[in-house]
C-alpha atoms as a PDB file:
ATOM      1  CA  MET A   1       2.559  -9.520 -17.807  1.00  0.00           C
ATOM      2  CA  ALA A   2       3.933  -7.606 -14.598  1.00  0.00           C
ATOM      3  CA  THR A   3       4.466  -4.210 -14.906  1.00  0.00           C
ATOM      4  CA  THR A   4       7.742  -2.750 -13.555  1.00  0.00           C
ATOM      5  CA  HIS A   5       8.272   0.554 -12.008  1.00  0.00           C
ATOM      6  CA  SER A   6      11.262   2.594 -11.513  1.00  0.00           C
ATOM      7  CA  ILE A   7      11.932   3.197  -7.561  1.00  0.00           C
ATOM      8  CA  LEU A   8      13.216   6.737  -7.298  1.00  0.00           C
ATOM      9  CA  ALA A   9      14.884   6.393  -3.860  1.00  0.00           C
ATOM     10  CA  ASP A  10      17.827   4.792  -2.538  1.00  0.00           C
ATOM     11  CA  VAL A  11      15.829   3.476   0.244  1.00  0.00           C
ATOM     12  CA  SER A  12      12.699   1.388   0.253  1.00  0.00           C
ATOM     13  CA  ALA A  13      10.265  -0.153   2.812  1.00  0.00           C
ATOM     14  CA  GLY A  14       7.221  -2.225   2.768  1.00  0.00           C
ATOM     15  CA  ILE A  15       3.548  -1.057   3.854  1.00  0.00           C
ATOM     16  CA  SER A  16       3.964  -3.317   6.922  1.00  0.00           C
ATOM     17  CA  GLU A  17       7.267  -2.000   8.061  1.00  0.00           C
ATOM     18  CA  LEU A  18       5.800   1.609   7.680  1.00  0.00           C
ATOM     19  CA  LYS A  19       2.926   0.475   9.798  1.00  0.00           C
ATOM     20  CA  LYS A  20       5.037  -1.059  12.227  1.00  0.00           C
ATOM     21  CA  ASN A  21       7.259   1.924  12.816  1.00  0.00           C
ATOM     22  CA  PRO A  22       6.728   5.010  10.607  1.00  0.00           C
ATOM     23  CA  MET A  23       9.545   6.936  12.143  1.00  0.00           C
ATOM     24  CA  ALA A  24      12.165   4.330  11.931  1.00  0.00           C
ATOM     25  CA  VAL A  25      11.192   3.943   8.014  1.00  0.00           C
ATOM     26  CA  VAL A  26      11.540   7.715   7.547  1.00  0.00           C
ATOM     27  CA  GLU A  27      14.797   7.777   9.665  1.00  0.00           C
ATOM     28  CA  GLN A  28      16.327   4.878   7.303  1.00  0.00           C
ATOM     29  CA  GLY A  29      16.139   7.685   4.442  1.00  0.00           C
ATOM     30  CA  ASP A  30      18.591   9.604   6.230  1.00  0.00           C
ATOM     31  CA  GLY A  31      17.047  12.782   5.424  1.00  0.00           C
ATOM     32  CA  ALA A  32      15.875  11.310   1.783  1.00  0.00           C
ATOM     33  CA  PRO A  33      12.692  10.160   0.642  1.00  0.00           C
ATOM     34  CA  VAL A  34      12.029   6.409   1.232  1.00  0.00           C
ATOM     35  CA  ALA A  35       9.967   4.502  -1.311  1.00  0.00           C
ATOM     36  CA  ILE A  36       7.204   2.599   0.155  1.00  0.00           C
ATOM     37  CA  LEU A  37       6.342  -0.493  -1.664  1.00  0.00           C
ATOM     38  CA  ASN A  38       3.139  -2.647  -1.765  1.00  0.00           C
ATOM     39  CA  ARG A  39       3.777  -6.107  -3.293  1.00  0.00           C
ATOM     40  CA  ASN A  40       7.259  -4.886  -4.429  1.00  0.00           C
ATOM     41  CA  GLN A  41       5.604  -2.127  -6.363  1.00  0.00           C
ATOM     42  CA  PRO A  42       6.175   1.630  -5.323  1.00  0.00           C
ATOM     43  CA  VAL A  43       2.921   3.165  -4.039  1.00  0.00           C
ATOM     44  CA  PHE A  44       4.174   6.548  -2.549  1.00  0.00           C
ATOM     45  CA  TYR A  45       7.256   8.223  -1.171  1.00  0.00           C
ATOM     46  CA  ALA A  46       7.692   9.165   2.514  1.00  0.00           C
ATOM     47  CA  VAL A  47       9.488  12.444   2.132  1.00  0.00           C
ATOM     48  CA  PRO A  48      10.929  14.350   5.394  1.00  0.00           C
ATOM     49  CA  ALA A  49       9.662  17.557   6.024  1.00  0.00           C
ATOM     50  CA  GLU A  50      12.948  19.427   5.282  1.00  0.00           C
ATOM     51  CA  ALA A  51      13.599  17.584   2.000  1.00  0.00           C
ATOM     52  CA  TYR A  52       9.847  18.366   0.841  1.00  0.00           C
ATOM     53  CA  GLU A  53      10.336  22.128   1.682  1.00  0.00           C
ATOM     54  CA  LEU A  54      13.664  22.081  -0.146  1.00  0.00           C
ATOM     55  CA  LEU A  55      11.685  20.566  -3.136  1.00  0.00           C
ATOM     56  CA  MET A  56       8.984  23.182  -2.969  1.00  0.00           C
ATOM     57  CA  ASP A  57      11.667  26.062  -2.831  1.00  0.00           C
ATOM     58  CA  LYS A  58      13.159  24.598  -6.162  1.00  0.00           C
ATOM     59  CA  LEU A  59       9.773  24.109  -7.958  1.00  0.00           C
ATOM     60  CA  GLU A  60       9.133  27.951  -6.807  1.00  0.00           C
ATOM     61  CA  ASP A  61      12.503  29.118  -8.327  1.00  0.00           C
ATOM     62  CA  ILE A  62      11.845  27.183 -11.674  1.00  0.00           C
ATOM     63  CA  GLU A  63       8.566  28.769 -12.216  1.00  0.00           C
ATOM     64  CA  LEU A  64       9.989  32.285 -11.217  1.00  0.00           C
ATOM     65  CA  ALA A  65      12.840  31.402 -13.903  1.00  0.00           C
ATOM     66  CA  ALA A  66      10.125  30.681 -16.411  1.00  0.00           C
ATOM     67  CA  ILE A  67       8.212  33.970 -15.853  1.00  0.00           C
ATOM     68  CA  VAL A  68      11.718  35.797 -16.307  1.00  0.00           C
ATOM     69  CA  ARG A  69      12.142  34.164 -19.462  1.00  0.00           C
ATOM     70  CA  GLU A  70       8.928  34.873 -20.703  1.00  0.00           C
ATOM     71  CA  ARG A  71       9.243  38.468 -19.880  1.00  0.00           C
ATOM     72  CA  GLN A  72      13.017  39.050 -20.864  1.00  0.00           C
ATOM     73  CA  ASP A  73      11.976  40.575 -24.287  1.00  0.00           C
ATOM     74  CA  MET A  74       9.323  43.018 -22.924  1.00  0.00           C
ATOM     75  CA  PRO A  75       9.925  46.602 -23.044  1.00  0.00           C
ATOM     76  CA  GLU A  76      11.243  48.268 -19.769  1.00  0.00           C
ATOM     77  CA  ILE A  77       8.980  50.762 -17.986  1.00  0.00           C
ATOM     78  CA  GLU A  78      10.773  53.398 -16.258  1.00  0.00           C
ATOM     79  CA  VAL A  79       9.195  54.128 -12.517  1.00  0.00           C
ATOM     80  CA  SER A  80      10.353  56.782 -10.233  1.00  0.00           C
ATOM     81  CA  LEU A  81      10.274  55.808  -6.472  1.00  0.00           C
ATOM     82  CA  ASP A  82       8.602  58.957  -5.522  1.00  0.00           C
ATOM     83  CA  GLU A  83       5.563  57.789  -7.935  1.00  0.00           C
ATOM     84  CA  LEU A  84       5.187  54.667  -6.051  1.00  0.00           C
END
């Protein structure tokens, strides 16, 4: 029985197409990730640098929000700027 996988991109390309012209494949995504397929199964995503950087920024925001939620009920500590 064949396994199916979701393709989490609007654009896809085959490995052979990627080998022939990697930049053309990335440009097909118009700034969004391109699913790279091998035998019609996604094997990885070609993610443009700008999209990757935005993704990393969002992940950092999620991590920081989790820290805030974790600490929101902790008592506040008064600190004077002169003491720093």
